[in-house]
């Protein structure tokens, strides 16, 4: 195997291959997924950009592929896509730094004695 990640696997996922061994759970997931991405308080375009940003944060190449295409299909341009990616990067960086408080608390408690 050349790579763990194969572009063809995204199509297999979309075709429901993953549900072959757990059909009921797959069906419930797809029902939920469809409901989440349906037009609602947020447009499908907005949801697509959110999904793309999250995909970068969780570093899922399949999701990045799918939601880049979806965002483009919903009329987003490259500037909007990159801005969404930078928003996710800033939140991830901020969260990492916020957890630094935990390390500082431990360090302070050990050095204050």
Protein backbone atom coordinates (compact mmCIF):
# COMPACT_ATOMS: atom_id res chain seq x y z
CA UNK A 1 0.00 0.00 0.00
CA UNK A 2 1.48 3.32 -1.07
CA UNK A 3 -0.61 5.39 1.29
CA UNK A 4 -3.15 4.96 4.03
CA UNK A 5 -5.23 7.65 2.35
CA UNK A 6 -6.72 6.86 -1.04
CA UNK A 7 -8.94 9.31 -2.87
CA UNK A 8 -11.07 6.37 -4.00
CA UNK A 9 -11.99 5.68 -0.37
CA UNK A 10 -14.03 8.89 -0.19
CA UNK A 11 -16.26 7.56 -2.97
CA UNK A 12 -16.54 4.23 -1.15
CA UNK A 13 -17.59 6.05 2.02
CA UNK A 14 -20.16 8.10 0.09
CA UNK A 15 -21.49 4.89 -1.46
CA UNK A 16 -22.16 3.49 2.00
CA UNK A 17 -19.52 0.73 1.96
CA UNK A 18 -18.82 1.41 5.64
CA UNK A 19 -22.44 0.54 6.41
CA UNK A 20 -22.26 -2.98 5.00
CA UNK A 21 -21.46 -4.49 8.38
CA UNK A 22 -23.58 -2.21 10.54
CA UNK A 23 -26.46 -1.15 8.33
CA UNK A 24 -28.81 0.09 11.01
CA UNK A 25 -26.17 2.34 12.59
CA UNK A 26 -25.10 3.59 9.15
CA UNK A 27 -28.70 4.43 8.26
CA UNK A 28 -29.14 6.34 11.53
CA UNK A 29 -25.88 8.20 10.97
CA UNK A 30 -26.92 9.15 7.44
CA UNK A 31 -30.32 10.32 8.66
CA UNK A 32 -28.65 12.49 11.31
CA UNK A 33 -26.02 13.72 8.86
CA UNK A 34 -28.66 14.67 6.33
CA UNK A 35 -30.65 16.55 8.95
CA UNK A 36 -27.58 18.43 10.16
CA UNK A 37 -26.62 19.59 6.67
CA UNK A 38 -30.14 20.51 5.54
CA UNK A 39 -31.01 24.16 5.13
CA UNK A 40 -32.00 25.59 8.51
CA UNK A 41 -30.98 28.56 10.61
CA UNK A 42 -27.71 28.32 8.68
CA UNK A 43 -27.58 28.01 4.92
CA UNK A 44 -26.07 24.93 3.31
CA UNK A 45 -23.30 27.24 2.09
CA UNK A 46 -22.49 28.36 5.65
CA UNK A 47 -22.60 24.77 6.89
CA UNK A 48 -20.24 23.74 4.12
CA UNK A 49 -17.69 26.38 5.17
CA UNK A 50 -18.01 25.35 8.81
CA UNK A 51 -17.49 21.72 7.84
CA UNK A 52 -14.44 22.66 5.79
CA UNK A 53 -12.93 24.58 8.70
CA UNK A 54 -13.57 21.70 11.10
CA UNK A 55 -12.14 19.25 8.55
CA UNK A 56 -8.87 21.16 8.65
CA UNK A 57 -8.91 21.25 12.44
CA UNK A 58 -9.39 17.48 12.73
CA UNK A 59 -7.06 16.99 9.75
CA UNK A 60 -9.33 14.69 7.74
CA UNK A 61 -8.13 14.66 4.13
CA UNK A 62 -11.36 13.02 2.96
CA UNK A 63 -13.45 15.74 4.60
CA UNK A 64 -11.13 18.46 3.25
CA UNK A 65 -11.64 17.04 -0.25
CA UNK A 66 -15.41 16.71 0.14
CA UNK A 67 -16.04 20.09 1.75
CA UNK A 68 -13.66 22.04 -0.49
CA UNK A 69 -15.70 20.74 -3.41
CA UNK A 70 -18.98 21.37 -1.57
CA UNK A 71 -17.96 24.93 -0.65
CA UNK A 72 -16.96 25.68 -4.22
CA UNK A 73 -20.24 24.15 -5.38
CA UNK A 74 -22.14 26.47 -3.05
CA UNK A 75 -20.45 29.49 -4.62
CA UNK A 76 -17.63 30.10 -2.15
CA UNK A 77 -14.44 31.52 -3.56
CA UNK A 78 -10.85 30.77 -2.55
CA UNK A 79 -10.64 33.86 -0.32
CA UNK A 80 -13.67 32.70 1.69
CA UNK A 81 -12.30 29.15 1.91
CA UNK A 82 -8.92 30.35 3.17
CA UNK A 83 -10.52 32.71 5.66
CA UNK A 84 -12.56 29.82 7.09
CA UNK A 85 -9.39 27.73 7.34
CA UNK A 86 -7.59 30.55 9.14
CA UNK A 87 -10.49 30.89 11.59
CA UNK A 88 -10.18 27.20 12.43
CA UNK A 89 -6.40 27.52 12.78
CA UNK A 90 -6.77 30.47 15.15
CA UNK A 91 -9.27 28.60 17.32
CA UNK A 92 -7.02 25.52 17.42
CA UNK A 93 -4.00 27.66 18.34
CA UNK A 94 -5.97 29.54 20.99
CA UNK A 95 -7.23 26.31 22.51
CA UNK A 96 -3.69 24.95 22.63
CA UNK A 97 -2.50 28.09 24.40
CA UNK A 98 -5.46 28.04 26.79
CA UNK A 99 -4.47 24.54 27.87
CA UNK A 100 -1.06 26.04 28.67
CA UNK A 101 -2.70 27.43 31.82
CA UNK A 102 -2.96 23.85 33.08
CA UNK A 103 0.79 23.36 32.63
CA UNK A 104 1.50 26.70 34.29
CA UNK A 105 -0.72 25.78 37.25
CA UNK A 106 1.22 22.54 37.76
CA UNK A 107 4.56 24.28 37.36
CA UNK A 108 3.58 27.06 39.76
CA UNK A 109 2.33 24.58 42.36
CA UNK A 110 5.59 22.66 42.28
CA UNK A 111 7.89 25.68 42.33
CA UNK A 112 5.97 27.65 45.00
CA UNK A 113 6.94 25.23 47.75
